[in-house]
Amino acid sequence: HAALTKVFRQNLFTYICSPYRDNPRVNVMRARQYCKFAVSKGRIPIAPHLYFPQFMSEERERERVMQMNFELLKLCGELWVFGDVISDGMQKEIEYARRKRKPVRYIKEV
């Protein structure tokens, strides 16, 4: 309990924002690397696109998935943007993070 309280107080949770839909297989592999990078920096990565596609449909449940992404983003101290392309979904996450006054970091190389 004390360790979890410390995590929330320090807000080590980091939302991993990267492409998914245009090439899920490749983008999942990249997201794993981004998560490893975040861990190497002492952060706890939250990457919904590694989790929700396990049991939800990106096409049929897109709006619901995005709402859940926003709920997870609320818990995070920062949003880290990876990749050279900003997809529509990523743009929505970035705008949401800014509205919630979350720091947004753009990370070019991992």
N, C-alpha and C. Protein backbone atom coordinates (compact mmCIF):
# COMPACT_ATOMS: atom_id res chain seq x y z
N HIS A 1 0.83 -1.20 0.00
CA HIS A 1 0.00 0.00 0.00
C HIS A 1 0.87 1.26 0.00
N ALA A 2 1.90 1.28 0.83
CA ALA A 2 2.77 2.47 0.89
C ALA A 2 3.49 2.69 -0.43
N ALA A 3 3.91 1.62 -1.08
CA ALA A 3 4.61 1.75 -2.36
C ALA A 3 3.69 2.32 -3.43
N LEU A 4 2.44 1.86 -3.46
CA LEU A 4 1.49 2.38 -4.44
C LEU A 4 1.18 3.84 -4.17
N THR A 5 1.04 4.21 -2.92
CA THR A 5 0.80 5.61 -2.57
C THR A 5 1.96 6.48 -3.05
N LYS A 6 3.19 5.97 -2.90
CA LYS A 6 4.36 6.72 -3.35
C LYS A 6 4.33 6.91 -4.87
N VAL A 7 3.96 5.86 -5.61
CA VAL A 7 3.87 5.95 -7.07
C VAL A 7 2.89 7.04 -7.47
N PHE A 8 1.72 7.06 -6.84
CA PHE A 8 0.72 8.08 -7.19
C PHE A 8 1.20 9.47 -6.80
N ARG A 9 1.86 9.59 -5.66
CA ARG A 9 2.33 10.90 -5.22
C ARG A 9 3.39 11.43 -6.18
N GLN A 10 4.30 10.57 -6.61
CA GLN A 10 5.36 11.00 -7.53
C GLN A 10 4.84 11.07 -8.97
N ASN A 11 3.69 10.46 -9.21
CA ASN A 11 3.07 10.42 -10.54
C ASN A 11 4.05 9.92 -11.60
N LEU A 12 4.52 8.70 -11.39
CA LEU A 12 5.47 8.08 -12.30
C LEU A 12 4.79 7.47 -13.52
N PHE A 13 3.45 7.40 -13.50
CA PHE A 13 2.75 6.84 -14.64
C PHE A 13 2.92 7.75 -15.85
N THR A 14 3.29 7.14 -16.98
CA THR A 14 3.53 7.89 -18.21
C THR A 14 2.70 7.27 -19.33
N TYR A 15 1.88 8.07 -19.95
CA TYR A 15 1.03 7.61 -21.04
C TYR A 15 1.86 7.54 -22.31
N ILE A 16 1.88 6.39 -22.95
CA ILE A 16 2.63 6.18 -24.18
C ILE A 16 1.71 6.43 -25.36
N CYS A 17 2.01 7.47 -26.11
CA CYS A 17 1.20 7.91 -27.25
C CYS A 17 2.00 7.62 -28.52
N SER A 18 1.50 6.66 -29.31
CA SER A 18 2.18 6.30 -30.55
C SER A 18 1.16 5.71 -31.51
N PRO A 19 1.51 5.64 -32.80
CA PRO A 19 0.56 5.12 -33.79
C PRO A 19 0.16 3.67 -33.49
N TYR A 20 -1.05 3.31 -33.92
CA TYR A 20 -1.50 1.93 -33.80
C TYR A 20 -2.19 1.46 -35.08
N ARG A 21 -3.25 2.13 -35.46
CA ARG A 21 -4.21 1.62 -36.43
C ARG A 21 -3.63 1.37 -37.83
N ASP A 22 -2.68 2.17 -38.29
CA ASP A 22 -2.20 2.03 -39.67
C ASP A 22 -1.40 0.74 -39.90
N ASN A 23 -0.80 0.19 -38.85
CA ASN A 23 -0.03 -1.06 -38.98
C ASN A 23 0.09 -1.70 -37.60
N PRO A 24 -0.99 -2.32 -37.11
CA PRO A 24 -1.01 -2.82 -35.74
C PRO A 24 0.16 -3.73 -35.37
N ARG A 25 0.53 -4.66 -36.23
CA ARG A 25 1.59 -5.61 -35.87
C ARG A 25 2.92 -4.89 -35.60
N VAL A 26 3.32 -4.03 -36.52
CA VAL A 26 4.56 -3.29 -36.37
C VAL A 26 4.46 -2.29 -35.21
N ASN A 27 3.33 -1.61 -35.11
CA ASN A 27 3.17 -0.58 -34.09
C ASN A 27 3.13 -1.15 -32.68
N VAL A 28 2.64 -2.37 -32.52
CA VAL A 28 2.67 -3.02 -31.21
C VAL A 28 4.13 -3.31 -30.82
N MET A 29 4.91 -3.78 -31.77
CA MET A 29 6.34 -4.03 -31.49
C MET A 29 7.04 -2.73 -31.08
N ARG A 30 6.72 -1.66 -31.79
CA ARG A 30 7.32 -0.35 -31.45
C ARG A 30 6.87 0.11 -30.07
N ALA A 31 5.59 -0.05 -29.78
CA ALA A 31 5.06 0.38 -28.48
C ALA A 31 5.75 -0.37 -27.34
N ARG A 32 6.06 -1.63 -27.55
CA ARG A 32 6.80 -2.39 -26.53
C ARG A 32 8.16 -1.74 -26.28
N GLN A 33 8.83 -1.33 -27.35
CA GLN A 33 10.12 -0.66 -27.21
C GLN A 33 9.97 0.67 -26.48
N TYR A 34 8.92 1.41 -26.80
CA TYR A 34 8.68 2.69 -26.13
C TYR A 34 8.46 2.47 -24.63
N CYS A 35 7.74 1.41 -24.29
CA CYS A 35 7.50 1.09 -22.88
C CYS A 35 8.81 0.73 -22.18
N LYS A 36 9.65 -0.04 -22.84
CA LYS A 36 10.96 -0.38 -22.26
C LYS A 36 11.78 0.89 -22.02
N PHE A 37 11.72 1.80 -22.98
CA PHE A 37 12.42 3.07 -22.84
C PHE A 37 11.91 3.83 -21.61
N ALA A 38 10.59 3.90 -21.47
CA ALA A 38 10.02 4.61 -20.32
C ALA A 38 10.48 3.97 -19.00
N VAL A 39 10.49 2.65 -18.95
CA VAL A 39 10.95 1.95 -17.75
C VAL A 39 12.41 2.30 -17.48
N SER A 40 13.22 2.37 -18.53
CA SER A 40 14.65 2.69 -18.35
C SER A 40 14.83 4.10 -17.78
N LYS A 41 13.81 4.93 -17.94
CA LYS A 41 13.86 6.30 -17.41
C LYS A 41 13.16 6.41 -16.06
N GLY A 42 12.83 5.27 -15.45
CA GLY A 42 12.23 5.27 -14.12
C GLY A 42 10.74 5.51 -14.11
N ARG A 43 10.10 5.38 -15.26
CA ARG A 43 8.67 5.64 -15.37
C ARG A 43 7.89 4.33 -15.41
N ILE A 44 6.59 4.40 -15.20
CA ILE A 44 5.69 3.26 -15.32
C ILE A 44 4.82 3.53 -16.55
N PRO A 45 5.07 2.82 -17.65
CA PRO A 45 4.34 3.12 -18.90
C PRO A 45 2.91 2.60 -18.89
N ILE A 46 2.03 3.43 -19.43
CA ILE A 46 0.64 3.05 -19.68
C ILE A 46 0.44 3.15 -21.19
N ALA A 47 0.29 1.98 -21.84
CA ALA A 47 0.15 1.94 -23.30
C ALA A 47 -1.13 1.18 -23.64
N PRO A 48 -2.26 1.89 -23.71
CA PRO A 48 -3.55 1.23 -23.95
C PRO A 48 -3.59 0.38 -25.21
N HIS A 49 -2.85 0.76 -26.25
CA HIS A 49 -2.90 0.00 -27.48
C HIS A 49 -2.15 -1.33 -27.39
N LEU A 50 -1.50 -1.58 -26.27
CA LEU A 50 -0.97 -2.92 -26.01
C LEU A 50 -1.97 -3.76 -25.23
N TYR A 51 -2.97 -3.13 -24.68
CA TYR A 51 -3.93 -3.80 -23.80
C TYR A 51 -5.32 -3.96 -24.42
N PHE A 52 -5.96 -2.88 -24.79
CA PHE A 52 -7.34 -2.94 -25.25
C PHE A 52 -7.56 -3.80 -26.50
N PRO A 53 -6.65 -3.83 -27.47
CA PRO A 53 -6.89 -4.68 -28.66
C PRO A 53 -6.95 -6.18 -28.33
N GLN A 54 -6.54 -6.55 -27.14
CA GLN A 54 -6.62 -7.95 -26.74
C GLN A 54 -8.07 -8.43 -26.63
N PHE A 55 -8.99 -7.48 -26.36
CA PHE A 55 -10.38 -7.89 -26.16
C PHE A 55 -11.41 -6.93 -26.73
N MET A 56 -10.94 -5.89 -27.44
CA MET A 56 -11.86 -4.93 -28.05
C MET A 56 -11.50 -4.72 -29.51
N SER A 57 -12.47 -4.29 -30.29
CA SER A 57 -12.26 -4.05 -31.71
C SER A 57 -11.98 -2.56 -31.94
N GLU A 58 -10.84 -2.30 -32.57
CA GLU A 58 -10.46 -0.92 -32.90
C GLU A 58 -11.50 -0.28 -33.80
N GLU A 59 -12.04 -1.04 -34.75
CA GLU A 59 -12.99 -0.48 -35.70
C GLU A 59 -14.38 -0.30 -35.08
N ARG A 60 -14.89 -1.33 -34.45
CA ARG A 60 -16.28 -1.30 -33.96
C ARG A 60 -16.45 -0.54 -32.65
N GLU A 61 -15.41 -0.44 -31.85
CA GLU A 61 -15.54 0.17 -30.52
C GLU A 61 -14.60 1.35 -30.32
N ARG A 62 -14.28 2.02 -31.40
CA ARG A 62 -13.28 3.10 -31.36
C ARG A 62 -13.61 4.19 -30.34
N GLU A 63 -14.83 4.69 -30.34
CA GLU A 63 -15.18 5.78 -29.42
C GLU A 63 -15.06 5.33 -27.96
N ARG A 64 -15.51 4.13 -27.69
CA ARG A 64 -15.42 3.62 -26.31
C ARG A 64 -13.96 3.45 -25.89
N VAL A 65 -13.14 2.93 -26.80
CA VAL A 65 -11.72 2.77 -26.52
C VAL A 65 -11.09 4.13 -26.24
N MET A 66 -11.40 5.14 -27.05
CA MET A 66 -10.82 6.47 -26.83
C MET A 66 -11.23 7.03 -25.48
N GLN A 67 -12.47 6.82 -25.07
CA GLN A 67 -12.91 7.31 -23.76
C GLN A 67 -12.13 6.62 -22.64
N MET A 68 -11.88 5.33 -22.80
CA MET A 68 -11.09 4.62 -21.78
C MET A 68 -9.64 5.10 -21.80
N ASN A 69 -9.12 5.40 -22.99
CA ASN A 69 -7.77 5.96 -23.07
C ASN A 69 -7.68 7.26 -22.28
N PHE A 70 -8.69 8.11 -22.43
CA PHE A 70 -8.69 9.38 -21.70
C PHE A 70 -8.73 9.16 -20.19
N GLU A 71 -9.49 8.17 -19.74
CA GLU A 71 -9.54 7.86 -18.30
C GLU A 71 -8.17 7.43 -17.80
N LEU A 72 -7.47 6.60 -18.59
CA LEU A 72 -6.12 6.20 -18.19
C LEU A 72 -5.16 7.40 -18.21
N LEU A 73 -5.32 8.25 -19.19
CA LEU A 73 -4.46 9.42 -19.30
C LEU A 73 -4.62 10.33 -18.07
N LYS A 74 -5.82 10.41 -17.53
CA LYS A 74 -6.05 11.21 -16.32
C LYS A 74 -5.14 10.77 -15.17
N LEU A 75 -4.83 9.48 -15.12
CA LEU A 75 -4.02 8.93 -14.03
C LEU A 75 -2.52 9.21 -14.19
N CYS A 76 -2.13 9.61 -15.39
CA CYS A 76 -0.71 9.74 -15.70
C CYS A 76 -0.18 11.13 -15.42
N GLY A 77 1.10 11.19 -15.07
CA GLY A 77 1.75 12.48 -14.83
C GLY A 77 2.16 13.17 -16.11
N GLU A 78 2.45 12.38 -17.14
CA GLU A 78 2.92 12.94 -18.41
C GLU A 78 2.40 12.11 -19.57
N LEU A 79 2.41 12.71 -20.75
CA LEU A 79 2.15 12.00 -22.00
C LEU A 79 3.42 12.09 -22.83
N TRP A 80 3.93 10.94 -23.29
CA TRP A 80 5.11 10.92 -24.15
C TRP A 80 4.68 10.51 -25.54
N VAL A 81 5.02 11.31 -26.53
CA VAL A 81 4.65 11.07 -27.92
C VAL A 81 5.86 10.47 -28.65
N PHE A 82 5.62 9.33 -29.30
CA PHE A 82 6.67 8.64 -30.04
C PHE A 82 6.29 8.52 -31.51
N GLY A 83 7.30 8.45 -32.37
CA GLY A 83 7.07 8.23 -33.79
C GLY A 83 7.13 9.53 -34.58
N ASP A 84 7.21 9.36 -35.89
CA ASP A 84 7.32 10.51 -36.78
C ASP A 84 5.97 11.04 -37.25
N VAL A 85 4.93 10.24 -37.06
CA VAL A 85 3.60 10.59 -37.55
C VAL A 85 2.66 10.74 -36.36
N ILE A 86 1.83 11.79 -36.40
CA ILE A 86 0.80 11.99 -35.39
C ILE A 86 -0.53 11.58 -36.03
N SER A 87 -1.07 10.45 -35.57
CA SER A 87 -2.35 9.97 -36.11
C SER A 87 -3.50 10.78 -35.51
N ASP A 88 -4.70 10.59 -36.05
CA ASP A 88 -5.87 11.29 -35.51
C ASP A 88 -6.08 10.96 -34.04
N GLY A 89 -5.97 9.68 -33.69
CA GLY A 89 -6.14 9.28 -32.30
C GLY A 89 -5.09 9.89 -31.39
N MET A 90 -3.85 9.91 -31.86
CA MET A 90 -2.78 10.53 -31.08
C MET A 90 -3.05 12.02 -30.87
N GLN A 91 -3.52 12.70 -31.92
CA GLN A 91 -3.80 14.12 -31.81
C GLN A 91 -4.87 14.37 -30.74
N LYS A 92 -5.88 13.52 -30.70
CA LYS A 92 -6.93 13.65 -29.68
C LYS A 92 -6.35 13.46 -28.28
N GLU A 93 -5.44 12.49 -28.13
CA GLU A 93 -4.82 12.25 -26.83
C GLU A 93 -3.95 13.43 -26.42
N ILE A 94 -3.20 13.99 -27.36
CA ILE A 94 -2.35 15.14 -27.07
C ILE A 94 -3.20 16.34 -26.65
N GLU A 95 -4.27 16.60 -27.39
CA GLU A 95 -5.16 17.72 -27.04
C GLU A 95 -5.79 17.51 -25.67
N TYR A 96 -6.20 16.28 -25.38
CA TYR A 96 -6.79 15.98 -24.08
C TYR A 96 -5.77 16.21 -22.97
N ALA A 97 -4.55 15.74 -23.16
CA ALA A 97 -3.50 15.93 -22.16
C ALA A 97 -3.26 17.42 -21.91
N ARG A 98 -3.24 18.20 -22.96
CA ARG A 98 -3.02 19.65 -22.79
C ARG A 98 -4.18 20.31 -22.04
N ARG A 99 -5.41 19.87 -22.35
CA ARG A 99 -6.57 20.42 -21.62
C ARG A 99 -6.49 20.09 -20.13
N LYS A 100 -5.93 18.93 -19.81
CA LYS A 100 -5.79 18.49 -18.42
C LYS A 100 -4.48 18.99 -17.80
N ARG A 101 -3.76 19.83 -18.54
CA ARG A 101 -2.51 20.42 -18.09
C ARG A 101 -1.44 19.37 -17.74
N LYS A 102 -1.39 18.33 -18.56
CA LYS A 102 -0.37 17.30 -18.42
C LYS A 102 0.82 17.67 -19.30
N PRO A 103 2.03 17.51 -18.81
CA PRO A 103 3.19 17.74 -19.68
C PRO A 103 3.16 16.77 -20.86
N VAL A 104 3.47 17.28 -22.06
CA VAL A 104 3.54 16.47 -23.27
C VAL A 104 4.98 16.55 -23.77
N ARG A 105 5.62 15.38 -23.87
CA ARG A 105 7.01 15.31 -24.34
C ARG A 105 7.05 14.58 -25.67
N TYR A 106 7.78 15.12 -26.61
CA TYR A 106 7.96 14.48 -27.92
C TYR A 106 9.33 13.82 -27.92
N ILE A 107 9.35 12.49 -28.11
CA ILE A 107 10.59 11.73 -28.05
C ILE A 107 10.83 11.15 -29.44
N LYS A 108 11.90 11.58 -30.07
CA LYS A 108 12.17 11.21 -31.47
C LYS A 108 12.92 9.90 -31.60
N GLU A 109 13.88 9.63 -30.74
CA GLU A 109 14.69 8.42 -30.90
C GLU A 109 14.69 7.61 -29.62
N VAL A 110 14.54 6.30 -29.81
CA VAL A 110 14.56 5.37 -28.66
C VAL A 110 15.59 4.30 -28.95
